[in-house]
PDB file of N, CA and C in Angstrom:
ATOM      1  N   MET A   1       1.012  -1.314  -0.030  1.00  0.00           N
ATOM      2  CA  MET A   1       0.112   0.056   0.161  1.00  0.00           C
ATOM      3  C   MET A   1       0.921   1.226  -0.147  1.00  0.00           C
ATOM      4  N   PRO A   2       0.664   1.935  -0.841  1.00  0.00           N
ATOM      5  CA  PRO A   2       1.535   3.404  -0.949  1.00  0.00           C
ATOM      6  C   PRO A   2       1.192   4.478   0.210  1.00  0.00           C
ATOM      7  N   THR A   3       2.029   4.606   0.839  1.00  0.00           N
ATOM      8  CA  THR A   3       1.878   5.814   1.880  1.00  0.00           C
ATOM      9  C   THR A   3       2.022   7.221   1.160  1.00  0.00           C
ATOM     10  N   LYS A   4       1.240   8.053   2.071  1.00  0.00           N
ATOM     11  CA  LYS A   4       1.198   9.278   1.815  1.00  0.00           C
ATOM     12  C   LYS A   4       1.870  10.090   2.887  1.00  0.00           C
ATOM     13  N   LYS A   5       2.835  11.152   2.343  1.00  0.00           N
ATOM     14  CA  LYS A   5       3.438  11.966   3.221  1.00  0.00           C
ATOM     15  C   LYS A   5       3.067  13.723   3.219  1.00  0.00           C
ATOM     16  N   PHE A   6       2.982  13.796   4.675  1.00  0.00           N
ATOM     17  CA  PHE A   6       2.806  15.230   4.880  1.00  0.00           C
ATOM     18  C   PHE A   6       3.215  15.694   6.218  1.00  0.00           C
ATOM     19  N   SER A   7       3.333  17.112   6.344  1.00  0.00           N
ATOM     20  CA  SER A   7       3.938  17.535   7.620  1.00  0.00           C
ATOM     21  C   SER A   7       2.716  17.784   8.693  1.00  0.00           C
ATOM     22  N   ILE A   8       3.021  17.856   9.986  1.00  0.00           N
ATOM     23  CA  ILE A   8       2.184  18.663  11.263  1.00  0.00           C
ATOM     24  C   ILE A   8       2.827  19.300  11.827  1.00  0.00           C
ATOM     25  N   SER A   9       2.419  20.287  12.409  1.00  0.00           N
ATOM     26  CA  SER A   9       2.763  20.941  13.624  1.00  0.00           C
ATOM     27  C   SER A   9       2.395  20.637  14.996  1.00  0.00           C
ATOM     28  N   ILE A  10       3.250  20.412  15.803  1.00  0.00           N
ATOM     29  CA  ILE A  10       2.773  19.712  17.256  1.00  0.00           C
ATOM     30  C   ILE A  10       3.441  20.689  18.265  1.00  0.00           C
ATOM     31  N   SER A  11       3.133  20.580  19.420  1.00  0.00           N
ATOM     32  CA  SER A  11       3.475  21.184  20.754  1.00  0.00           C
ATOM     33  C   SER A  11       4.880  20.297  21.067  1.00  0.00           C
ATOM     34  N   PRO A  12       5.915  21.415  21.438  1.00  0.00           N
ATOM     35  CA  PRO A  12       7.070  20.681  21.986  1.00  0.00           C
ATOM     36  C   PRO A  12       6.691  19.348  22.978  1.00  0.00           C
ATOM     37  N   GLU A  13       5.716  19.804  23.948  1.00  0.00           N
ATOM     38  CA  GLU A  13       5.452  18.775  24.697  1.00  0.00           C
ATOM     39  C   GLU A  13       5.003  17.550  24.386  1.00  0.00           C
ATOM     40  N   THR A  14       4.215  17.598  23.188  1.00  0.00           N
ATOM     41  CA  THR A  14       3.610  16.137  22.463  1.00  0.00           C
ATOM     42  C   THR A  14       5.200  15.799  21.525  1.00  0.00           C
ATOM     43  N   TYR A  15       5.660  16.475  20.967  1.00  0.00           N
ATOM     44  CA  TYR A  15       6.942  15.677  20.359  1.00  0.00           C
ATOM     45  C   TYR A  15       7.666  15.065  21.191  1.00  0.00           C
ATOM     46  N   LYS A  16       7.816  15.752  22.528  1.00  0.00           N
ATOM     47  CA  LYS A  16       8.922  14.936  23.862  1.00  0.00           C
ATOM     48  C   LYS A  16       8.495  13.703  24.108  1.00  0.00           C
ATOM     49  N   ALA A  17       7.017  13.616  24.042  1.00  0.00           N
ATOM     50  CA  ALA A  17       6.400  12.445  24.566  1.00  0.00           C
ATOM     51  C   ALA A  17       6.189  11.430  23.513  1.00  0.00           C
ATOM     52  N   ALA A  18       6.428  11.810  22.217  1.00  0.00           N
ATOM     53  CA  ALA A  18       6.296  10.822  21.250  1.00  0.00           C
ATOM     54  C   ALA A  18       7.615  10.474  20.986  1.00  0.00           C
ATOM     55  N   GLU A  19       8.717  11.192  21.046  1.00  0.00           N
ATOM     56  CA  GLU A  19      10.111  10.897  21.221  1.00  0.00           C
ATOM     57  C   GLU A  19      10.514   9.913  22.068  1.00  0.00           C
ATOM     58  N   ASP A  20       9.938   9.912  23.193  1.00  0.00           N
ATOM     59  CA  ASP A  20      10.189   9.110  24.362  1.00  0.00           C
ATOM     60  C   ASP A  20       9.693   7.818  24.379  1.00  0.00           C
ATOM     61  N   ALA A  21       8.383   7.919  23.799  1.00  0.00           N
ATOM     62  CA  ALA A  21       7.812   6.533  23.642  1.00  0.00           C
ATOM     63  C   ALA A  21       8.501   5.655  22.350  1.00  0.00           C
ATOM     64  N   VAL A  22       9.035   6.610  21.151  1.00  0.00           N
ATOM     65  CA  VAL A  22       9.887   5.532  20.331  1.00  0.00           C
ATOM     66  C   VAL A  22      11.185   4.999  21.249  1.00  0.00           C
ATOM     67  N   ALA A  23      11.861   5.844  21.967  1.00  0.00           N
ATOM     68  CA  ALA A  23      12.986   5.277  22.239  1.00  0.00           C
ATOM     69  C   ALA A  23      12.894   4.317  23.347  1.00  0.00           C
ATOM     70  N   ALA A  24      11.712   4.264  23.877  1.00  0.00           N
ATOM     71  CA  ALA A  24      11.255   3.024  24.988  1.00  0.00           C
ATOM     72  C   ALA A  24      10.681   1.891  24.371  1.00  0.00           C
ATOM     73  N   GLY A  25      10.675   2.048  23.026  1.00  0.00           N
ATOM     74  CA  GLY A  25      10.545   0.616  21.857  1.00  0.00           C
ATOM     75  C   GLY A  25       8.744   0.538  21.822  1.00  0.00           C
ATOM     76  N   GLU A  26       8.190   1.717  22.382  1.00  0.00           N
ATOM     77  CA  GLU A  26       6.876   1.286  22.247  1.00  0.00           C
ATOM     78  C   GLU A  26       5.993   1.302  20.772  1.00  0.00           C
ATOM     79  N   PHE A  27       6.910   2.244  19.903  1.00  0.00           N
ATOM     80  CA  PHE A  27       6.505   2.343  18.528  1.00  0.00           C
ATOM     81  C   PHE A  27       7.865   2.424  17.797  1.00  0.00           C
ATOM     82  N   ARG A  28       7.846   2.053  16.518  1.00  0.00           N
ATOM     83  CA  ARG A  28       9.031   1.842  15.525  1.00  0.00           C
ATOM     84  C   ARG A  28       9.636   3.275  15.217  1.00  0.00           C
ATOM     85  N   ASN A  29       9.081   4.150  15.214  1.00  0.00           N
ATOM     86  CA  ASN A  29       9.351   5.442  14.631  1.00  0.00           C
ATOM     87  C   ASN A  29       8.403   6.561  14.874  1.00  0.00           C
ATOM     88  N   MET A  30       8.659   7.969  14.407  1.00  0.00           N
ATOM     89  CA  MET A  30       7.705   8.787  14.725  1.00  0.00           C
ATOM     90  C   MET A  30       6.423   8.862  14.055  1.00  0.00           C
ATOM     91  N   SER A  31       6.355   8.232  12.720  1.00  0.00           N
ATOM     92  CA  SER A  31       5.329   8.291  12.134  1.00  0.00           C
ATOM     93  C   SER A  31       4.495   7.120  12.547  1.00  0.00           C
ATOM     94  N   HIS A  32       5.287   6.079  13.255  1.00  0.00           N
ATOM     95  CA  HIS A  32       4.225   4.969  13.518  1.00  0.00           C
ATOM     96  C   HIS A  32       3.065   5.608  14.782  1.00  0.00           C
ATOM     97  N   VAL A  33       4.024   6.301  15.753  1.00  0.00           N
ATOM     98  CA  VAL A  33       3.357   7.257  16.796  1.00  0.00           C
ATOM     99  C   VAL A  33       1.948   7.835  16.255  1.00  0.00           C
ATOM    100  N   PHE A  34       2.222   8.616  15.224  1.00  0.00           N
ATOM    101  CA  PHE A  34       1.492   9.456  14.785  1.00  0.00           C
ATOM    102  C   PHE A  34       0.269   8.660  13.813  1.00  0.00           C
ATOM    103  N   GLU A  35       0.927   8.062  13.131  1.00  0.00           N
ATOM    104  CA  GLU A  35      -0.363   6.892  12.507  1.00  0.00           C
ATOM    105  C   GLU A  35      -1.171   6.143  13.524  1.00  0.00           C
ATOM    106  N   GLU A  36      -0.893   5.716  14.549  1.00  0.00           N
ATOM    107  CA  GLU A  36      -1.567   4.951  15.431  1.00  0.00           C
ATOM    108  C   GLU A  36      -2.517   5.768  16.569  1.00  0.00           C
ATOM    109  N   GLY A  37      -2.080   7.088  16.453  1.00  0.00           N
ATOM    110  CA  GLY A  37      -2.775   8.144  17.195  1.00  0.00           C
ATOM    111  C   GLY A  37      -4.019   8.417  16.441  1.00  0.00           C
ATOM    112  N   ALA A  38      -3.763   8.718  14.827  1.00  0.00           N
ATOM    113  CA  ALA A  38      -5.047   8.954  14.136  1.00  0.00           C
ATOM    114  C   ALA A  38      -5.924   7.723  14.133  1.00  0.00           C
ATOM    115  N   LYS A  39      -5.276   6.807  13.938  1.00  0.00           N
ATOM    116  CA  LYS A  39      -6.180   5.533  14.039  1.00  0.00           C
ATOM    117  C   LYS A  39      -7.162   5.452  15.145  1.00  0.00           C
ATOM    118  N   MET A  40      -6.366   5.538  16.553  1.00  0.00           N
ATOM    119  CA  MET A  40      -7.528   5.989  17.686  1.00  0.00           C
ATOM    120  C   MET A  40      -8.748   6.607  17.611  1.00  0.00           C
ATOM    121  N   VAL A  41      -8.065   8.073  17.085  1.00  0.00           N
ATOM    122  CA  VAL A  41      -9.259   8.960  17.101  1.00  0.00           C
ATOM    123  C   VAL A  41     -10.313   8.505  16.085  1.00  0.00           C
ATOM    124  N   LEU A  42     -10.018   7.915  14.681  1.00  0.00           N
ATOM    125  CA  LEU A  42     -10.964   7.710  13.668  1.00  0.00           C
ATOM    126  C   LEU A  42     -12.000   6.866  14.174  1.00  0.00           C
ATOM    127  N   LYS A  43     -11.055   5.846  14.938  1.00  0.00           N
ATOM    128  CA  LYS A  43     -12.063   4.617  15.313  1.00  0.00           C
ATOM    129  C   LYS A  43     -13.264   5.084  16.596  1.00  0.00           C
ATOM    130  N   LYS A  44     -12.568   5.877  17.028  1.00  0.00           N
ATOM    131  CA  LYS A  44     -13.636   6.658  18.215  1.00  0.00           C
ATOM    132  C   LYS A  44     -14.592   7.265  17.552  1.00  0.00           C
ATOM    133  N   ARG A  45     -14.145   7.964  16.575  1.00  0.00           N
ATOM    134  CA  ARG A  45     -15.262   9.160  15.812  1.00  0.00           C
ATOM    135  C   ARG A  45     -16.199   7.992  15.353  1.00  0.00           C
ATOM    136  N   LEU A  46     -15.941   6.890  14.324  1.00  0.00           N
ATOM    137  CA  LEU A  46     -16.919   6.040  13.987  1.00  0.00           C
ATOM    138  C   LEU A  46     -17.690   5.411  14.989  1.00  0.00           C
ATOM    139  N   SER A  47     -17.130   4.916  16.129  1.00  0.00           N
ATOM    140  CA  SER A  47     -17.976   4.641  16.933  1.00  0.00           C
ATOM    141  C   SER A  47     -19.104   5.453  17.635  1.00  0.00           C
ATOM    142  N   GLU A  48     -18.741   6.792  17.540  1.00  0.00           N
ATOM    143  CA  GLU A  48     -19.632   7.636  18.196  1.00  0.00           C
ATOM    144  C   GLU A  48     -20.651   8.155  17.078  1.00  0.00           C
ATOM    145  N   GLU A  49     -20.258   8.213  15.930  1.00  0.00           N
ATOM    146  CA  GLU A  49     -21.311   8.037  14.860  1.00  0.00           C
ATOM    147  C   GLU A  49     -22.337   6.951  14.617  1.00  0.00           C
ATOM    148  N   SER A  50     -21.790   5.639  14.697  1.00  0.00           N
ATOM    149  CA  SER A  50     -22.685   4.645  14.664  1.00  0.00           C
ATOM    150  C   SER A  50     -23.735   4.559  15.841  1.00  0.00           C
ATOM    151  N   GLY A  51     -23.519   5.343  17.130  1.00  0.00           N
ATOM    152  CA  GLY A  51     -24.373   5.190  18.153  1.00  0.00           C
ATOM    153  C   GLY A  51     -24.370   3.933  18.897  1.00  0.00           C
ATOM    154  N   ASN A  52     -23.321   3.213  18.813  1.00  0.00           N
ATOM    155  CA  ASN A  52     -22.994   2.031  19.286  1.00  0.00           C
ATOM    156  C   ASN A  52     -21.683   1.877  19.573  1.00  0.00           C
ATOM    157  N   PRO A  53     -21.013   2.332  21.107  1.00  0.00           N
ATOM    158  CA  PRO A  53     -19.894   2.514  21.671  1.00  0.00           C
ATOM    159  C   PRO A  53     -19.154   1.314  21.463  1.00  0.00           C
ATOM    160  N   CYS A  54     -19.965   0.344  21.386  1.00  0.00           N
ATOM    161  CA  CYS A  54     -18.841  -1.136  21.130  1.00  0.00           C
ATOM    162  C   CYS A  54     -18.582  -1.599  19.719  1.00  0.00           C
ATOM    163  N   GLU A  55     -19.041  -0.843  18.619  1.00  0.00           N
ATOM    164  CA  GLU A  55     -18.803  -0.991  17.647  1.00  0.00           C
ATOM    165  C   GLU A  55     -17.876  -0.136  16.880  1.00  0.00           C
ATOM    166  N   VAL A  56     -16.574  -0.762  16.324  1.00  0.00           N
ATOM    167  CA  VAL A  56     -15.288  -0.201  15.492  1.00  0.00           C
ATOM    168  C   VAL A  56     -15.442  -0.712  14.533  1.00  0.00           C
ATOM    169  N   THR A  57     -15.572  -0.177  13.277  1.00  0.00           N
ATOM    170  CA  THR A  57     -15.348  -0.950  12.073  1.00  0.00           C
ATOM    171  C   THR A  57     -13.914  -0.277  11.211  1.00  0.00           C
ATOM    172  N   ALA A  58     -13.313   0.618  11.773  1.00  0.00           N
ATOM    173  CA  ALA A  58     -12.040   0.984  11.058  1.00  0.00           C
ATOM    174  C   ALA A  58     -10.949   0.049  11.455  1.00  0.00           C
TER     175      ALA A  58
END
């Protein structure tokens, strides 16, 4: 699957927390941190839109 590249602006605190998570081995790299975060937000949104908090289709 081809990937899309784009830039984001985040607070220094968020950057530091992401950097620490990568250093601790929780994520492969910085892209992985933000991709997983986006997935969590989108799953939550889909769940709320469906009206069923147990349903997650993403």
